[in-house]
């Protein structure tokens, strides 16, 4: 005969933070918000100009260097052609009885 009914179950009060930050393309280490002000609504197109690749060579003292290269430009087009949303509800009883705050956790998860 086992005494299984006396073994407690423990529910930790903090949700496990997702380790998605390092995998999300929107991670601050991988993006900028330079064009946020240029985008006002769904369907907008933003043309992003940049400088093309620049050749880097080894420096050798007292040697004549090749003629300088001409810079080239490059352009990307950002088309805002997707709109996303999320929709969830939390029952009043669940909201009152759960720890931590489910709405904050759900909003954080939906942000990914």
C-alpha atoms as a PDB file:
ATOM      1  CA  UNK A   1       0.000   0.000   0.000  1.00  0.00           C
ATOM      2  CA  UNK A   2       1.396   3.410  -0.970  1.00  0.00           C
ATOM      3  CA  UNK A   3       0.932   6.652   0.913  1.00  0.00           C
ATOM      4  CA  UNK A   4       0.513   8.850  -2.173  1.00  0.00           C
ATOM      5  CA  UNK A   5      -2.123  11.195  -0.773  1.00  0.00           C
ATOM      6  CA  UNK A   6       0.293  12.777   1.702  1.00  0.00           C
ATOM      7  CA  UNK A   7       2.877  13.854  -0.875  1.00  0.00           C
ATOM      8  CA  UNK A   8       2.398  17.609  -1.343  1.00  0.00           C
ATOM      9  CA  UNK A   9       2.292  19.335  -4.695  1.00  0.00           C
ATOM     10  CA  UNK A  10       4.054  22.660  -4.820  1.00  0.00           C
ATOM     11  CA  UNK A  11       3.042  25.393  -7.241  1.00  0.00           C
ATOM     12  CA  UNK A  12       5.706  28.034  -7.625  1.00  0.00           C
ATOM     13  CA  UNK A  13       4.234  31.557  -7.663  1.00  0.00           C
ATOM     14  CA  UNK A  14       6.364  32.859 -10.539  1.00  0.00           C
ATOM     15  CA  UNK A  15       5.908  31.799 -14.138  1.00  0.00           C
ATOM     16  CA  UNK A  16       8.958  30.507 -15.904  1.00  0.00           C
ATOM     17  CA  UNK A  17      10.263  33.355 -18.008  1.00  0.00           C
ATOM     18  CA  UNK A  18      10.490  32.314 -21.597  1.00  0.00           C
ATOM     19  CA  UNK A  19      13.983  32.156 -22.962  1.00  0.00           C
ATOM     20  CA  UNK A  20      12.737  33.545 -26.248  1.00  0.00           C
ATOM     21  CA  UNK A  21      14.498  36.915 -25.965  1.00  0.00           C
ATOM     22  CA  UNK A  22      17.629  35.587 -27.587  1.00  0.00           C
ATOM     23  CA  UNK A  23      15.644  34.008 -30.416  1.00  0.00           C
ATOM     24  CA  UNK A  24      13.307  36.852 -31.297  1.00  0.00           C
ATOM     25  CA  UNK A  25      14.170  38.894 -34.370  1.00  0.00           C
ATOM     26  CA  UNK A  26      12.984  42.022 -32.537  1.00  0.00           C
ATOM     27  CA  UNK A  27      15.690  41.633 -29.898  1.00  0.00           C
ATOM     28  CA  UNK A  28      17.326  45.048 -29.277  1.00  0.00           C
ATOM     29  CA  UNK A  29      20.665  43.566 -30.322  1.00  0.00           C
ATOM     30  CA  UNK A  30      19.293  42.860 -33.799  1.00  0.00           C
ATOM     31  CA  UNK A  31      17.095  45.789 -34.768  1.00  0.00           C
ATOM     32  CA  UNK A  32      16.518  49.523 -34.580  1.00  0.00           C
ATOM     33  CA  UNK A  33      13.399  51.651 -34.553  1.00  0.00           C
ATOM     34  CA  UNK A  34      14.661  54.291 -36.993  1.00  0.00           C
ATOM     35  CA  UNK A  35      11.648  53.946 -39.284  1.00  0.00           C
ATOM     36  CA  UNK A  36       8.864  53.820 -36.715  1.00  0.00           C
ATOM     37  CA  UNK A  37       7.867  57.445 -37.360  1.00  0.00           C
ATOM     38  CA  UNK A  38       7.733  56.863 -41.119  1.00  0.00           C
ATOM     39  CA  UNK A  39       5.123  54.122 -40.798  1.00  0.00           C
ATOM     40  CA  UNK A  40       1.670  55.452 -40.006  1.00  0.00           C
ATOM     41  CA  UNK A  41      -0.691  52.698 -41.139  1.00  0.00           C
ATOM     42  CA  UNK A  42      -1.152  49.323 -42.760  1.00  0.00           C
ATOM     43  CA  UNK A  43      -0.065  49.340 -46.401  1.00  0.00           C
ATOM     44  CA  UNK A  44       2.701  51.934 -46.035  1.00  0.00           C
ATOM     45  CA  UNK A  45       5.984  51.453 -47.901  1.00  0.00           C
ATOM     46  CA  UNK A  46       9.303  52.796 -46.646  1.00  0.00           C
ATOM     47  CA  UNK A  47      12.401  52.903 -48.854  1.00  0.00           C
ATOM     48  CA  UNK A  48      15.549  52.479 -46.754  1.00  0.00           C
ATOM     49  CA  UNK A  49      18.791  53.715 -48.318  1.00  0.00           C
ATOM     50  CA  UNK A  50      22.210  52.547 -47.223  1.00  0.00           C
ATOM     51  CA  UNK A  51      25.811  52.380 -48.365  1.00  0.00           C
ATOM     52  CA  UNK A  52      26.917  49.225 -50.163  1.00  0.00           C
ATOM     53  CA  UNK A  53      29.768  47.050 -48.949  1.00  0.00           C
ATOM     54  CA  UNK A  54      33.151  48.747 -48.486  1.00  0.00           C
ATOM     55  CA  UNK A  55      36.290  46.739 -49.231  1.00  0.00           C
ATOM     56  CA  UNK A  56      38.738  46.413 -46.334  1.00  0.00           C
ATOM     57  CA  UNK A  57      42.341  45.484 -47.117  1.00  0.00           C
ATOM     58  CA  UNK A  58      45.538  45.028 -45.135  1.00  0.00           C
ATOM     59  CA  UNK A  59      47.612  48.148 -44.498  1.00  0.00           C
ATOM     60  CA  UNK A  60      51.302  47.997 -45.378  1.00  0.00           C
ATOM     61  CA  UNK A  61      53.535  50.880 -44.352  1.00  0.00           C
ATOM     62  CA  UNK A  62      55.400  52.806 -47.099  1.00  0.00           C
ATOM     63  CA  UNK A  63      53.656  51.012 -49.971  1.00  0.00           C
ATOM     64  CA  UNK A  64      51.581  52.713 -52.648  1.00  0.00           C
ATOM     65  CA  UNK A  65      47.935  51.785 -52.283  1.00  0.00           C
ATOM     66  CA  UNK A  66      45.507  50.988 -55.061  1.00  0.00           C
ATOM     67  CA  UNK A  67      43.194  53.698 -56.313  1.00  0.00           C
ATOM     68  CA  UNK A  68      40.293  54.362 -53.978  1.00  0.00           C
ATOM     69  CA  UNK A  69      37.097  52.552 -54.776  1.00  0.00           C
ATOM     70  CA  UNK A  70      33.884  54.360 -55.587  1.00  0.00           C
ATOM     71  CA  UNK A  71      31.115  53.932 -53.063  1.00  0.00           C
ATOM     72  CA  UNK A  72      27.868  52.377 -54.154  1.00  0.00           C
ATOM     73  CA  UNK A  73      24.435  52.677 -52.656  1.00  0.00           C
ATOM     74  CA  UNK A  74      21.921  50.051 -51.718  1.00  0.00           C
ATOM     75  CA  UNK A  75      18.195  50.151 -51.008  1.00  0.00           C
ATOM     76  CA  UNK A  76      15.691  47.940 -49.211  1.00  0.00           C
ATOM     77  CA  UNK A  77      11.947  48.334 -49.328  1.00  0.00           C
ATOM     78  CA  UNK A  78       9.926  47.778 -46.185  1.00  0.00           C
ATOM     79  CA  UNK A  79       6.278  47.091 -47.030  1.00  0.00           C
ATOM     80  CA  UNK A  80       3.876  47.020 -44.105  1.00  0.00           C
ATOM     81  CA  UNK A  81       1.599  44.312 -45.474  1.00  0.00           C
ATOM     82  CA  UNK A  82       0.744  42.363 -42.343  1.00  0.00           C
ATOM     83  CA  UNK A  83      -1.386  43.194 -39.334  1.00  0.00           C
ATOM     84  CA  UNK A  84      -1.426  40.973 -36.267  1.00  0.00           C
ATOM     85  CA  UNK A  85      -3.603  40.841 -33.159  1.00  0.00           C
ATOM     86  CA  UNK A  86      -4.304  38.739 -30.107  1.00  0.00           C
ATOM     87  CA  UNK A  87      -7.496  38.243 -28.152  1.00  0.00           C
ATOM     88  CA  UNK A  88      -7.777  36.498 -24.790  1.00  0.00           C
ATOM     89  CA  UNK A  89      -9.870  36.699 -21.668  1.00  0.00           C
ATOM     90  CA  UNK A  90      -9.262  35.813 -18.045  1.00  0.00           C
ATOM     91  CA  UNK A  91     -12.154  34.799 -15.859  1.00  0.00           C
ATOM     92  CA  UNK A  92     -12.644  37.069 -12.805  1.00  0.00           C
ATOM     93  CA  UNK A  93     -12.246  34.135 -10.423  1.00  0.00           C
ATOM     94  CA  UNK A  94      -9.022  33.039 -12.121  1.00  0.00           C
ATOM     95  CA  UNK A  95      -7.706  36.583 -12.045  1.00  0.00           C
ATOM     96  CA  UNK A  96      -8.436  36.837  -8.322  1.00  0.00           C
ATOM     97  CA  UNK A  97      -7.010  33.459  -7.353  1.00  0.00           C
ATOM     98  CA  UNK A  98      -3.884  33.049  -9.473  1.00  0.00           C
ATOM     99  CA  UNK A  99      -0.404  34.200  -8.737  1.00  0.00           C
ATOM    100  CA  UNK A 100       1.337  35.860 -10.578  1.00  0.00           C
ATOM    101  CA  UNK A 101      -0.796  38.285 -12.531  1.00  0.00           C
ATOM    102  CA  UNK A 102      -2.060  36.284 -15.516  1.00  0.00           C
ATOM    103  CA  UNK A 103      -2.832  39.330 -17.645  1.00  0.00           C
ATOM    104  CA  UNK A 104       0.731  40.655 -17.412  1.00  0.00           C
ATOM    105  CA  UNK A 105       2.153  37.231 -18.223  1.00  0.00           C
ATOM    106  CA  UNK A 106      -0.240  36.750 -21.154  1.00  0.00           C
ATOM    107  CA  UNK A 107       0.538  40.202 -22.567  1.00  0.00           C
ATOM    108  CA  UNK A 108       4.269  39.466 -22.306  1.00  0.00           C
ATOM    109  CA  UNK A 109       3.778  36.136 -24.104  1.00  0.00           C
ATOM    110  CA  UNK A 110       1.598  37.708 -26.794  1.00  0.00           C
ATOM    111  CA  UNK A 111       4.324  40.254 -27.456  1.00  0.00           C
ATOM    112  CA  UNK A 112       6.473  37.529 -28.903  1.00  0.00           C
END
